Protein backbone atom coordinates (compact mmCIF):
# COMPACT_ATOMS: atom_id res chain seq x y z
CA MET A 1 12.70 -130.10 -124.47
CA GLY A 2 14.67 -127.30 -125.50
CA ASP A 3 17.78 -128.68 -123.97
CA LYS A 4 17.44 -131.22 -126.11
CA VAL A 5 17.34 -129.45 -129.27
CA ASP A 6 20.44 -126.85 -128.46
CA ASP A 7 22.58 -130.10 -127.51
CA LEU A 8 21.94 -131.21 -131.39
CA PRO A 9 24.50 -128.92 -132.90
CA ARG A 10 26.75 -129.65 -130.30
CA LEU A 11 26.65 -133.50 -130.63
CA ASP A 12 27.07 -132.48 -134.62
CA LYS A 13 29.88 -130.44 -134.26
CA ALA A 14 31.81 -132.81 -131.90
CA GLN A 15 31.15 -135.75 -134.67
CA ARG A 16 32.76 -133.59 -136.96
CA ASP A 17 35.52 -132.94 -135.29
CA VAL A 18 36.35 -136.77 -134.53
CA VAL A 19 35.56 -137.21 -138.51
CA MET A 20 38.10 -134.45 -139.34
CA LEU A 21 40.41 -136.02 -136.70
CA GLY A 22 40.34 -138.94 -138.28
CA ILE A 23 40.82 -137.66 -141.48
CA ALA A 24 44.15 -135.94 -140.32
CA THR A 25 45.07 -139.25 -139.27
CA ALA A 26 44.34 -141.01 -142.09
CA ALA A 27 46.53 -137.95 -143.90
CA ILE A 28 49.33 -138.16 -141.42
CA ILE A 29 50.37 -141.84 -142.54
CA LEU A 30 49.57 -141.56 -145.95
CA PHE A 31 51.63 -138.85 -145.99
CA VAL A 32 54.58 -140.59 -144.48
CA GLY A 33 53.42 -143.41 -147.05
CA ILE A 34 53.20 -141.98 -150.02
CA GLY A 35 55.75 -139.57 -149.15
CA GLY A 36 58.73 -142.54 -148.34
CA THR A 37 58.21 -143.08 -152.11
CA VAL A 38 57.33 -139.72 -153.63
CA MET A 39 60.14 -137.53 -152.30
CA PRO A 40 63.38 -139.87 -152.87
CA GLN A 41 62.12 -140.03 -156.87
CA VAL A 42 61.87 -136.30 -156.87
CA ALA A 43 65.55 -135.57 -155.11
CA ARG A 44 66.75 -138.31 -158.28
CA HIS A 45 64.86 -136.22 -160.80
CA TRP A 46 66.04 -133.15 -159.53
CA LEU A 47 69.77 -134.39 -159.54
CA ASP A 48 69.71 -136.34 -163.16
CA ASN A 49 67.22 -135.27 -165.27
CA SER A 50 67.85 -138.42 -167.10
CA VAL A 51 65.63 -140.07 -163.95
CA GLU A 52 62.20 -140.24 -164.58
CA PRO A 53 59.94 -138.00 -162.53
CA PRO A 54 57.61 -139.55 -159.94
CA ASP A 55 54.01 -140.60 -161.16
CA THR A 56 51.66 -137.85 -161.49
CA ALA A 57 48.93 -139.39 -159.44
CA LEU A 58 51.49 -140.11 -156.24
CA VAL A 59 52.17 -136.33 -156.92
CA ASN A 60 48.81 -135.24 -156.61
CA ALA A 61 47.69 -137.85 -153.52
CA LEU A 62 50.75 -136.20 -151.71
CA LEU A 63 49.81 -132.38 -152.08
CA LEU A 64 46.11 -134.15 -151.21
CA ASN A 65 47.74 -135.39 -147.66
CA ILE A 66 49.91 -132.24 -147.27
CA ALA A 67 46.45 -130.03 -147.18
CA LEU A 68 44.68 -132.47 -145.39
CA ILE A 69 47.53 -131.98 -142.69
CA ILE A 70 47.22 -128.33 -142.91
CA PHE A 71 43.08 -127.88 -142.32
CA GLY A 72 43.47 -130.87 -139.50
CA TRP A 73 46.09 -128.65 -137.59
CA ARG A 74 43.94 -125.41 -137.77
CA ARG A 75 40.79 -127.62 -136.89
CA TYR A 76 43.20 -128.42 -134.02
CA VAL A 77 44.24 -124.97 -132.99
CA ASP A 78 40.63 -123.80 -133.36
CA LEU A 79 39.23 -126.42 -131.66
CA ARG A 80 41.91 -125.62 -128.94
CA LYS A 81 40.67 -121.97 -128.61
CA GLU A 82 37.22 -123.07 -128.54
CA ILE A 83 37.81 -125.38 -125.49
CA GLU A 84 39.45 -122.86 -123.87
CA GLN A 85 36.63 -120.02 -124.49
CA ARG A 86 34.16 -122.49 -123.27
CA ARG A 87 36.23 -123.18 -120.07
CA LYS A 88 36.36 -119.44 -119.23
CA ALA A 89 32.54 -119.21 -119.84
CA GLU A 90 31.74 -122.20 -117.40
CA GLU A 91 34.04 -120.56 -115.03
CA GLU A 92 32.24 -117.08 -115.58
CA ALA A 93 28.78 -118.59 -114.85
CA LEU A 94 29.94 -120.36 -112.13
CA HIS A 95 31.09 -116.88 -110.59
CA LEU A 96 28.27 -115.34 -111.64
CA SER A 97 25.77 -118.16 -109.90
CA GLN A 98 27.62 -117.80 -106.83
CA ILE A 99 27.65 -113.65 -106.61
CA ASP A 100 25.24 -110.88 -106.49
CA PRO A 101 25.02 -108.71 -109.89
CA LEU A 102 24.41 -105.61 -107.88
CA THR A 103 26.86 -105.47 -104.71
CA GLY A 104 29.35 -108.43 -105.52
CA CYS A 105 28.63 -109.86 -102.34
CA LEU A 106 28.10 -113.94 -102.34
CA ASN A 107 24.24 -114.46 -103.28
CA ARG A 108 22.02 -117.02 -100.80
CA ARG A 109 22.67 -120.40 -102.46
CA CYS A 110 26.74 -120.04 -102.21
CA ALA A 111 25.85 -118.62 -98.36
CA THR A 112 24.42 -121.27 -97.42
CA GLU A 113 27.40 -123.49 -99.11
CA ARG A 114 29.79 -121.63 -97.14
CA LEU A 115 28.40 -122.36 -93.83
CA MET A 116 28.20 -125.78 -94.64
CA GLU A 117 32.35 -125.79 -95.61
CA ALA A 118 32.45 -123.74 -92.34
CA LEU A 119 30.35 -126.43 -90.85
CA ASP A 120 32.38 -129.26 -91.90
CA ALA A 121 35.52 -128.25 -91.08
CA MET A 122 34.97 -126.97 -87.34
CA ALA A 123 36.17 -131.17 -86.88
CA GLU A 124 39.65 -130.12 -87.75
CA THR A 125 39.54 -126.48 -86.61
CA GLN A 126 37.72 -126.91 -82.88
CA GLN A 127 36.36 -123.19 -84.05
CA ALA A 128 33.15 -121.97 -83.38
CA VAL A 129 31.19 -120.71 -86.70
CA ALA A 130 28.79 -117.32 -86.49
CA PHE A 131 25.93 -116.24 -88.43
CA VAL A 132 25.15 -112.47 -88.30
CA MET A 133 21.83 -111.86 -90.15
CA ILE A 134 21.36 -108.25 -91.29
CA ASP A 135 18.78 -106.06 -92.17
CA LEU A 136 18.32 -102.35 -93.32
CA ASP A 137 15.57 -100.48 -91.11
CA GLY A 138 13.54 -98.50 -93.22
CA PHE A 139 14.55 -99.61 -96.90
CA LYS A 140 11.49 -99.80 -98.69
CA GLU A 141 10.40 -96.04 -97.31
CA ILE A 142 13.95 -94.87 -98.59
CA ASN A 143 13.20 -96.54 -102.17
CA ASP A 144 9.80 -94.99 -102.09
CA ASN A 145 10.35 -91.39 -101.20
CA ASN A 146 13.56 -91.22 -103.12
CA GLY A 147 13.34 -93.67 -106.31
CA HIS A 148 15.14 -97.52 -106.84
CA GLN A 149 18.06 -95.82 -108.48
CA ALA A 150 19.17 -94.25 -104.91
CA GLY A 151 18.18 -97.67 -103.00
CA ASP A 152 20.59 -99.20 -105.60
CA GLU A 153 23.54 -96.75 -104.46
CA VAL A 154 22.40 -97.44 -100.26
CA LEU A 155 22.95 -101.50 -101.40
CA LEU A 156 26.42 -101.05 -103.10
CA GLU A 157 27.51 -98.32 -100.05
CA VAL A 158 25.80 -100.53 -97.65
CA SER A 159 28.27 -104.05 -98.70
CA ARG A 160 30.89 -101.38 -99.21
CA ARG A 161 31.04 -100.80 -95.97
CA LEU A 162 30.39 -104.21 -94.92
CA LYS A 163 33.18 -105.60 -96.91
CA ALA A 164 35.42 -102.78 -95.75
CA ILE A 165 35.16 -104.33 -91.57
CA ALA A 166 34.94 -108.30 -92.88
CA PRO A 167 37.11 -110.17 -90.99
CA SER A 168 40.15 -111.75 -93.49
CA GLU A 169 38.21 -115.37 -92.97
CA GLY A 170 34.67 -114.37 -93.51
CA HIS A 171 32.35 -114.33 -95.88
CA CYS A 172 29.72 -111.35 -96.82
CA ALA A 173 26.83 -112.16 -98.25
CA ARG A 174 23.51 -110.35 -99.82
CA LEU A 175 20.67 -112.94 -99.14
CA GLY A 176 18.14 -111.23 -101.12
CA GLY A 177 16.63 -107.11 -100.83
CA ASP A 178 18.03 -105.51 -98.30
CA GLU A 179 19.34 -108.48 -96.31
CA PHE A 180 22.77 -108.82 -96.09
CA ALA A 181 24.94 -111.83 -93.86
CA PHE A 182 28.30 -112.69 -92.42
CA ILE A 183 29.69 -116.19 -92.28
CA MET A 184 33.13 -116.61 -89.94
CA PRO A 185 34.61 -118.24 -87.56
CA LEU A 186 34.78 -117.55 -83.94
CA GLU A 187 38.11 -117.89 -82.47
CA ASN A 188 38.22 -119.85 -78.84
CA GLU A 189 34.74 -119.19 -78.48
CA ASP A 190 34.77 -115.65 -77.61
CA PRO A 191 32.05 -113.59 -77.89
CA HIS A 192 33.42 -110.17 -76.95
CA SER A 193 35.11 -109.51 -79.72
CA LEU A 194 32.49 -110.61 -82.36
CA GLU A 195 30.47 -108.20 -79.80
CA LEU A 196 33.10 -105.44 -80.65
CA TRP A 197 32.72 -106.14 -83.97
CA ALA A 198 29.11 -106.31 -83.90
CA CYS A 199 29.35 -102.39 -82.92
CA GLU A 200 31.77 -101.14 -85.02
CA MET A 201 29.62 -102.95 -88.10
CA THR A 202 26.37 -100.75 -86.75
CA GLY A 203 28.20 -97.57 -85.76
CA ASN A 204 29.93 -97.78 -89.46
CA ILE A 205 26.45 -98.21 -91.53
CA ALA A 206 24.50 -95.53 -89.68
CA ARG A 207 26.96 -93.04 -91.18
CA PRO A 208 24.66 -90.86 -93.87
CA ILE A 209 25.30 -92.12 -97.27
CA GLN A 210 25.68 -89.81 -100.51
CA THR A 211 23.01 -90.57 -102.82
CA GLU A 212 22.30 -88.35 -106.32
CA MET A 213 19.22 -87.68 -104.19
CA GLY A 214 21.35 -86.21 -101.75
CA ALA A 215 22.54 -87.88 -97.68
CA LEU A 216 20.62 -90.66 -96.57
CA GLU A 217 20.51 -92.36 -93.70
CA VAL A 218 20.06 -96.03 -92.96
CA THR A 219 20.72 -97.73 -90.04
CA ILE A 220 20.52 -101.92 -89.68
CA SER A 221 19.21 -104.84 -87.70
CA ALA A 222 21.33 -107.62 -86.87
CA GLY A 223 20.98 -111.11 -85.21
CA ILE A 224 24.00 -113.17 -84.42
CA ALA A 225 24.06 -116.78 -84.00
CA VAL A 226 26.57 -119.28 -83.34
CA HIS A 227 27.82 -122.75 -83.43
CA ARG A 228 29.88 -124.72 -81.45
CA PRO A 229 32.37 -127.90 -81.79
CA ASP A 230 30.49 -129.79 -79.39
CA GLN A 231 27.23 -129.41 -80.54
CA ARG A 232 26.23 -132.38 -83.01
CA ILE A 233 25.85 -132.24 -86.76
CA ASP A 234 23.73 -134.95 -88.44
CA ASN A 235 22.90 -133.03 -91.92
CA LEU A 236 25.04 -130.13 -92.72
CA GLU A 237 22.53 -128.71 -94.97
CA GLY A 238 19.92 -128.93 -92.00
CA ALA A 239 22.51 -127.00 -89.36
CA ALA A 240 23.12 -124.33 -91.36
CA ARG A 241 19.32 -123.76 -92.22
CA LYS A 242 19.08 -123.67 -88.70
CA LEU A 243 21.71 -121.49 -87.97
CA MET A 244 20.32 -118.96 -90.54
CA HIS A 245 17.09 -119.38 -88.98
CA ARG A 246 18.12 -118.64 -85.70
CA ALA A 247 20.04 -115.56 -86.66
CA ASP A 248 17.05 -114.51 -88.33
CA LEU A 249 15.08 -114.60 -84.89
CA ALA A 250 17.61 -112.52 -83.45
CA MET A 251 17.26 -110.10 -86.34
CA TYR A 252 13.63 -109.72 -85.87
CA HIS A 253 14.11 -109.56 -81.80
CA ALA A 254 16.72 -106.63 -82.63
CA LYS A 255 13.68 -105.07 -84.98
CA LYS A 256 11.42 -105.30 -82.37
CA GLU A 257 13.85 -103.48 -79.24
CA GLY A 258 14.18 -100.67 -81.21
CA ARG A 259 16.47 -101.33 -84.23
CA ASN A 260 19.68 -99.55 -84.95
CA ARG A 261 21.17 -102.59 -82.78
CA PHE A 262 22.29 -106.08 -83.01
CA CYS A 263 20.82 -109.33 -80.49
CA TRP A 264 22.35 -112.67 -79.63
CA PHE A 265 20.10 -115.62 -80.44
CA ASP A 266 18.17 -117.18 -77.71
CA LEU A 267 16.32 -120.21 -77.08
CA SER A 268 13.37 -118.58 -75.68
CA MET A 269 13.13 -116.91 -79.29
CA GLU A 270 12.89 -119.96 -80.70
CA ALA A 271 10.09 -120.51 -78.06
CA GLU A 272 8.35 -117.29 -78.88
CA ALA A 273 8.52 -117.89 -82.47
CA ARG A 274 6.93 -121.48 -81.33
CA LEU A 275 4.20 -119.47 -80.08
CA ARG A 276 3.74 -117.26 -82.47
CA ARG A 277 3.07 -119.77 -85.12
CA GLU A 278 0.75 -121.63 -82.89
CA MET A 279 -1.16 -118.43 -82.03
CA GLU A 280 -1.32 -117.27 -85.93
CA ALA A 281 -2.92 -120.96 -86.66
CA ALA A 282 -5.65 -120.46 -83.72
CA ILE A 283 -6.33 -116.95 -84.93
CA ARG A 284 -7.26 -118.84 -88.30
CA ALA A 285 -9.15 -121.00 -86.70
CA GLY A 286 -10.99 -119.05 -84.65
CA LEU A 287 -11.83 -116.65 -87.96
CA GLU A 288 -13.56 -119.56 -89.00
CA ARG A 289 -15.33 -120.24 -86.08
CA GLY A 290 -16.21 -117.12 -85.18
CA GLU A 291 -14.71 -116.65 -81.71
CA PHE A 292 -13.71 -112.85 -82.36
CA THR A 293 -16.79 -110.78 -81.26
CA PRO A 294 -17.00 -106.75 -81.24
CA HIS A 295 -17.18 -105.07 -77.64
CA TYR A 296 -17.76 -101.23 -76.93
CA GLU A 297 -16.70 -98.50 -74.75
CA GLN A 298 -18.49 -95.62 -74.02
CA GLN A 299 -17.51 -92.04 -74.87
CA ILE A 300 -18.86 -89.41 -72.81
CA ASP A 301 -19.50 -85.71 -73.19
CA LEU A 302 -17.40 -84.59 -69.94
CA GLU A 303 -19.26 -81.05 -69.76
CA THR A 304 -22.76 -82.68 -69.71
CA GLY A 305 -22.20 -86.48 -68.83
CA ARG A 306 -24.18 -87.34 -71.60
CA LEU A 307 -23.38 -90.64 -73.68
CA VAL A 308 -22.46 -89.48 -77.07
CA GLY A 309 -20.88 -92.92 -78.91
CA PHE A 310 -19.11 -96.27 -78.32
CA GLU A 311 -15.30 -97.34 -79.82
CA MET A 312 -15.33 -100.51 -80.79
CA LEU A 313 -12.63 -103.06 -79.50
CA ALA A 314 -11.77 -106.42 -80.57
CA ARG A 315 -11.93 -109.36 -78.01
CA TRP A 316 -11.06 -113.14 -78.42
CA HIS A 317 -12.53 -115.77 -76.58
CA SER A 318 -10.67 -118.99 -77.76
CA ALA A 319 -12.04 -122.46 -77.12
CA GLU A 320 -8.53 -123.14 -76.85
CA LEU A 321 -6.43 -120.46 -75.16
CA GLY A 322 -9.39 -118.75 -73.40
CA GLU A 323 -9.35 -115.10 -73.10
CA VAL A 324 -6.56 -113.55 -75.16
CA SER A 325 -5.64 -109.72 -74.77
CA PRO A 326 -5.75 -107.74 -77.73
CA ASP A 327 -2.03 -106.45 -76.96
CA ILE A 328 -1.33 -110.12 -77.92
CA PHE A 329 -3.28 -111.17 -81.05
CA ILE A 330 -3.49 -108.01 -82.61
CA PRO A 331 0.22 -107.49 -83.26
CA ILE A 332 0.48 -111.32 -84.83
CA ALA A 333 -2.69 -110.99 -86.91
CA GLU A 334 -0.97 -107.64 -88.39
CA ASN A 335 2.49 -110.03 -88.94
CA CYS A 336 0.92 -112.68 -90.62
CA GLY A 337 -1.58 -110.79 -92.96
CA LEU A 338 -4.80 -111.57 -90.75
CA ILE A 339 -5.52 -108.12 -89.58
CA GLY A 340 -7.56 -107.01 -92.64
CA PRO A 341 -10.55 -110.15 -92.78
CA LEU A 342 -10.33 -109.93 -88.69
CA SER A 343 -11.28 -105.86 -88.79
CA GLU A 344 -13.52 -106.24 -91.58
CA MET A 345 -15.65 -108.77 -89.65
CA LEU A 346 -15.55 -107.07 -86.46
CA ILE A 347 -16.50 -103.84 -88.27
CA ARG A 348 -19.47 -105.42 -90.08
CA ARG A 349 -20.82 -106.56 -87.05
CA ALA A 350 -20.27 -103.41 -84.93
CA LEU A 351 -22.51 -101.69 -87.97
CA ILE A 352 -25.40 -104.35 -87.59
CA ASP A 353 -25.00 -103.77 -84.04
CA ALA A 354 -25.26 -100.31 -83.64
CA GLN A 355 -28.21 -99.78 -85.92
CA SER A 356 -30.18 -100.70 -82.49
CA TRP A 357 -28.54 -97.50 -81.27
CA SER A 358 -29.74 -93.91 -81.46
CA PRO A 359 -29.08 -92.23 -84.16
CA SER A 360 -27.30 -89.61 -81.65
CA LEU A 361 -24.72 -92.20 -81.30
CA THR A 362 -21.52 -92.40 -83.04
CA LEU A 363 -19.29 -95.31 -83.76
CA SER A 364 -15.23 -95.22 -83.36
CA ILE A 365 -13.39 -98.17 -85.22
CA ASN A 366 -9.68 -98.20 -85.09
CA ILE A 367 -7.81 -99.18 -88.57
CA SER A 368 -4.14 -100.60 -88.47
CA PRO A 369 -1.04 -98.94 -89.73
CA VAL A 370 -0.69 -102.09 -91.80
CA GLN A 371 -4.71 -101.74 -93.40
CA LEU A 372 -4.12 -98.19 -93.91
CA ARG A 373 -1.17 -99.69 -96.24
CA ASP A 374 -4.24 -101.09 -98.60
CA PRO A 375 -5.54 -98.75 -101.18
CA TRP A 376 -8.46 -100.59 -101.65
CA LEU A 377 -9.57 -99.89 -97.77
CA PRO A 378 -12.36 -97.02 -98.73
CA GLN A 379 -13.90 -99.10 -100.87
CA LYS A 380 -13.69 -102.02 -98.64
CA LEU A 381 -15.14 -100.01 -96.38
CA LEU A 382 -18.14 -98.59 -97.99
CA LYS A 383 -19.19 -102.00 -99.19
CA LEU A 384 -19.48 -102.49 -95.18
CA LEU A 385 -21.41 -99.37 -94.72
CA LEU A 386 -23.69 -100.02 -97.92
CA GLY A 387 -24.10 -103.72 -97.21
CA SER A 388 -25.41 -102.92 -93.39
CA ASP A 389 -27.75 -99.38 -94.02
CA PHE A 390 -25.45 -97.55 -91.87
CA PRO A 391 -24.98 -93.79 -91.97
CA ALA A 392 -21.29 -92.99 -92.92
CA SER A 393 -21.70 -89.89 -90.76
CA ARG A 394 -22.11 -92.02 -87.53
CA LEU A 395 -18.67 -93.54 -87.84
CA ASP A 396 -15.50 -92.41 -86.93
CA VAL A 397 -12.40 -94.06 -88.19
CA GLU A 398 -9.36 -93.84 -85.88
CA ILE A 399 -6.12 -93.82 -87.44
CA SER A 400 -3.15 -94.04 -84.78
CA GLU A 401 -0.15 -91.71 -84.62
CA ALA A 402 2.33 -93.97 -85.27
CA CYS A 403 1.28 -94.00 -89.32
CA LEU A 404 2.53 -90.64 -89.44
CA GLN A 405 6.11 -92.38 -89.71
CA GLU A 406 5.42 -93.71 -93.17
CA ASN A 407 4.44 -92.32 -96.56
CA LEU A 408 3.00 -89.01 -95.11
CA ALA A 409 1.50 -88.35 -98.67
CA ALA A 410 0.23 -91.55 -99.13
CA VAL A 411 -1.42 -91.27 -95.56
CA GLN A 412 -2.95 -87.65 -96.57
CA THR A 413 -4.26 -89.09 -99.87
CA MET A 414 -5.92 -91.96 -97.47
CA ILE A 415 -7.51 -89.32 -95.00
CA VAL A 416 -9.15 -87.88 -97.77
CA SER A 417 -10.72 -90.72 -99.44
CA LEU A 418 -12.01 -91.65 -96.25
CA LYS A 419 -13.78 -88.44 -95.54
CA ASN A 420 -14.80 -88.64 -99.24
CA LEU A 421 -17.07 -91.19 -97.94
CA GLY A 422 -18.69 -89.21 -95.78
CA VAL A 423 -16.95 -90.91 -92.37
CA ARG A 424 -14.87 -89.04 -89.91
CA VAL A 425 -11.47 -89.51 -89.18
CA SER A 426 -9.47 -89.22 -86.01
CA LEU A 427 -6.07 -89.30 -84.55
CA ASP A 428 -5.41 -92.00 -82.07
CA ASP A 429 -2.56 -91.86 -79.46
CA PHE A 430 -2.16 -88.10 -79.69
CA GLY A 431 0.95 -87.04 -77.83
CA THR A 432 3.12 -90.26 -78.43
CA GLY A 433 5.88 -88.00 -80.09
CA PHE A 434 4.87 -88.96 -83.73
CA ALA A 435 2.84 -86.00 -85.27
CA THR A 436 4.62 -82.55 -86.10
CA LEU A 437 2.41 -79.47 -85.80
CA THR A 438 2.70 -79.24 -89.99
CA GLN A 439 1.54 -82.74 -89.75
CA LEU A 440 -1.65 -81.40 -88.02
CA ARG A 441 -2.29 -78.76 -89.95
CA THR A 442 -1.91 -80.45 -93.08
CA LEU A 443 -3.93 -83.49 -92.60
CA PRO A 444 -7.61 -83.01 -92.46
CA PHE A 445 -8.26 -84.92 -88.98
CA ASP A 446 -11.92 -84.29 -87.59
CA ARG A 447 -10.69 -85.20 -83.77
CA VAL A 448 -7.54 -85.91 -82.36
CA LYS A 449 -7.52 -88.50 -78.87
CA ILE A 450 -5.18 -87.57 -75.96
CA ASP A 451 -3.17 -91.10 -75.49
CA ARG A 452 -4.11 -92.64 -72.27
CA SER A 453 -0.39 -93.02 -70.95
CA PHE A 454 -0.91 -88.73 -70.87
CA VAL A 455 -4.28 -88.80 -69.04
CA GLY A 456 -3.10 -91.94 -66.53
CA GLU A 457 -1.02 -89.38 -64.98
CA LEU A 458 -3.01 -87.14 -63.94
CA ARG A 459 -4.53 -90.03 -61.55
CA ARG A 460 -0.76 -91.01 -60.07
CA VAL A 461 0.38 -86.77 -59.85
CA ALA A 462 -3.11 -86.10 -58.03
CA GLN A 463 -2.48 -88.51 -55.72
CA ALA A 464 1.28 -87.83 -54.90
CA SER A 465 2.34 -85.70 -51.93
CA PRO A 466 2.39 -82.12 -51.73
CA ASP A 467 6.69 -81.85 -52.17
CA LEU A 468 5.65 -83.34 -55.65
CA ILE A 469 3.77 -80.02 -56.53
CA SER A 470 6.15 -79.30 -59.76
CA ASP A 471 5.52 -83.20 -61.08
CA ARG A 472 2.02 -82.26 -60.60
CA ALA A 473 1.72 -79.02 -62.28
CA GLN A 474 4.77 -80.46 -65.09
CA GLN A 475 1.99 -83.32 -65.89
CA ASP A 476 -1.09 -81.06 -65.96
CA HIS A 477 0.87 -78.17 -67.99
CA ILE A 478 1.66 -81.11 -70.91
CA VAL A 479 -2.13 -82.38 -70.85
CA ASN A 480 -3.29 -79.15 -71.24
CA ALA A 481 -0.52 -78.22 -73.81
CA LEU A 482 -2.01 -81.09 -75.94
CA VAL A 483 -5.68 -79.51 -75.01
CA SER A 484 -4.35 -76.22 -75.93
CA LEU A 485 -3.15 -77.41 -79.45
CA GLY A 486 -6.34 -79.16 -80.41
CA GLN A 487 -8.19 -76.16 -79.70
CA GLY A 488 -5.76 -74.12 -81.46
CA LEU A 489 -6.06 -75.90 -84.46
CA GLN A 490 -9.72 -75.88 -83.83
CA ILE A 491 -10.27 -79.92 -83.94
CA PRO A 492 -12.14 -81.15 -80.66
CA ILE A 493 -10.41 -83.36 -78.37
CA THR A 494 -11.17 -86.86 -76.72
CA ALA A 495 -9.40 -88.39 -73.36
CA GLU A 496 -8.55 -91.51 -73.05
CA GLY A 497 -7.98 -93.37 -69.77
CA ILE A 498 -10.12 -91.85 -67.51
CA GLU A 499 -10.11 -93.95 -64.68
CA ASP A 500 -11.18 -92.06 -61.33
CA ALA A 501 -13.18 -89.27 -60.50
CA SER A 502 -9.88 -86.63 -59.95
CA ILE A 503 -8.86 -86.93 -63.46
CA LEU A 504 -12.27 -86.42 -64.79
CA GLU A 505 -12.25 -82.96 -62.47
CA THR A 506 -8.87 -81.88 -63.79
CA LEU A 507 -10.22 -82.53 -67.67
CA ARG A 508 -13.01 -80.45 -67.19
CA GLY A 509 -10.91 -77.61 -66.10
CA MET A 510 -9.22 -77.56 -69.42
CA GLY A 511 -12.41 -77.34 -71.51
CA GLU A 512 -14.77 -79.19 -73.66
CA MET A 513 -13.80 -82.78 -74.82
CA LYS A 514 -14.92 -86.10 -75.28
CA GLY A 515 -13.81 -88.80 -72.35
CA GLN A 516 -13.59 -92.57 -72.31
CA GLY A 517 -12.23 -94.95 -69.62
CA TYR A 518 -13.16 -97.24 -67.04
CA LEU A 519 -14.77 -94.61 -64.74
CA TYR A 520 -17.59 -95.04 -67.38
CA GLY A 521 -17.79 -98.91 -67.06
CA LYS A 522 -15.40 -101.37 -68.93
CA PRO A 523 -15.83 -102.57 -72.76
CA GLU A 524 -19.36 -104.72 -72.99
CA ASP A 525 -20.71 -106.54 -75.38
CA ALA A 526 -23.66 -105.74 -77.95
CA ALA A 527 -26.37 -107.39 -75.69
CA ALA A 528 -25.00 -105.25 -72.26
CA VAL A 529 -25.05 -102.38 -74.36
CA VAL A 530 -28.41 -102.85 -75.75
CA LYS A 531 -29.53 -103.50 -72.24
CA ARG A 532 -27.84 -99.66 -70.90
CA LEU A 533 -29.56 -97.99 -73.92
CA SER A 534 -32.46 -99.43 -72.90
CA GLU A 535 -32.34 -98.34 -69.55
CA LEU A 536 -31.29 -94.78 -71.06
CA ASP A 537 -34.16 -94.50 -73.62
CA MET A 538 -31.23 -93.99 -76.25
CA LEU A 539 -32.35 -97.10 -78.49
CA SER A 540 -33.64 -96.47 -82.29
CA GLU A 541 -37.06 -96.29 -83.18
CA SER A 542 -37.01 -99.81 -84.76
CA ALA A 543 -35.40 -100.97 -81.98
CA LYS A 544 -37.86 -100.13 -79.70
CA THR A 545 -40.71 -101.26 -81.54
CA ALA A 546 -38.61 -104.68 -81.44
CA ALA A 547 -38.56 -104.77 -77.79
CA ALA A 548 -42.04 -103.68 -77.56
CA GLN A 549 -43.93 -106.69 -79.36
CA PRO A 550 -44.64 -109.63 -77.23
CA ALA A 551 -42.52 -112.85 -77.59
CA PRO A 552 -44.28 -115.74 -79.51
CA ASP A 553 -45.72 -118.17 -77.47
CA PRO A 554 -44.02 -121.31 -77.88
CA GLY A 555 -47.22 -123.73 -77.51
CA GLN A 556 -48.61 -121.83 -80.21
CA ARG A 557 -45.29 -122.12 -82.43
CA LYS A 558 -45.41 -125.95 -81.94
CA SER A 559 -49.36 -126.49 -82.52
CA ALA A 560 -48.42 -124.52 -86.45
């Protein structure tokens, strides 16, 4: 409706211009007719005063015609200027619709159009078309830690560097956020030259970028996909979007491989993406059907051999896929945003299960790095504790050491909020290389868990030949150093991955700690845990009372 209203003044103006053009045309015709009569009479009157001057009405009509002609000419000049201004405005609007306003690169829509044009020209040029998808690594942290102004400076400098190394026939585009792209012809279908260019590009971007906040370092992950002339194209837009999607898959593969690199697209990536989509759909269906269940791994006091608690682990028995490893479904749940509902459902069931345990036993749960970004996590956890009437002091929340890569201040705030609930917070995967001594002193952890990769090595070196005594000593020193670090900071230690008696004996010689691993048994479901605790006389009083009561007689229930 607004567009129609805006068009009305323009329509009225156009109508006035047509009317003025008609008036000017009529004035010229009248000028020719009247001027042909009046001007000779004026000339004769000037030459001979005896000759009567022309009629006053004709003179006035002539002057009016002249005024109308001048007015029409001025309107014509103004109209020409207006048309020129409008043409320039339309050109500028077209330019702005194709260009990213911050970096001056092509925007996503224009990049798609350029890619379609390049694909359409392949029939004549017989040159393959390469599409390179580029994403900045850790750009969110740059914005969060240094502000959006510094982020804009980084984007500008990255765009300058990309344009500087762009091939003469290539196009550089910013697709949005921290995503850039290149469209370029691939001469002779030679990937070697493109690989050299991609290596130069990643190295060029990795140089420090000077901003108002100081020098910042940023790297890129890039994915490359190529469309060759012998590949059939039924729909240009579909082919362009497919090529962009393939480059996107390759880019995410580069991120998964460690970032600061580039990867070529491979058909297996599409198969992997398809499997990931199917797995995501299966996870959603599994959540609705209640296919995810908590299992529990024992935690033992190594000095006394006494059971002190359990760690909850997620298990999935899918109706379609069977048993699915957590190493497969947890990363997919994190990527598709399902880890929160999945974790909350498992924690709720675990808290209910743990009510039947002895009050001396603790329950450990793992929190994903994705969940740790949720500012409402402490409130959600409090709601679960209150809903199950489970004491917060018996709950141990485990945070992976990888979480310390992110905003340390936010992590510290989250840990303090969790501890304010009364729960304990442990640092999981300790020793994998992310935590510094300063972080361990700053963050109020109640316990650290030595990663199973270090503990498992104790068995390998214990079984090694005497010739490798130096390797055995070195591995012992690494684990001992981690234990000593925890003891020096007065933080209790838990060792994961205790697989056999040789590891247990080595750890016992390093001091007091808890341990867990397959030496004590594999993770069990709730029913198996209750049976184990019943044999150890470690059930809660309410659970003992319920177990002691005789089961109702089916016959009596039927007659009732």
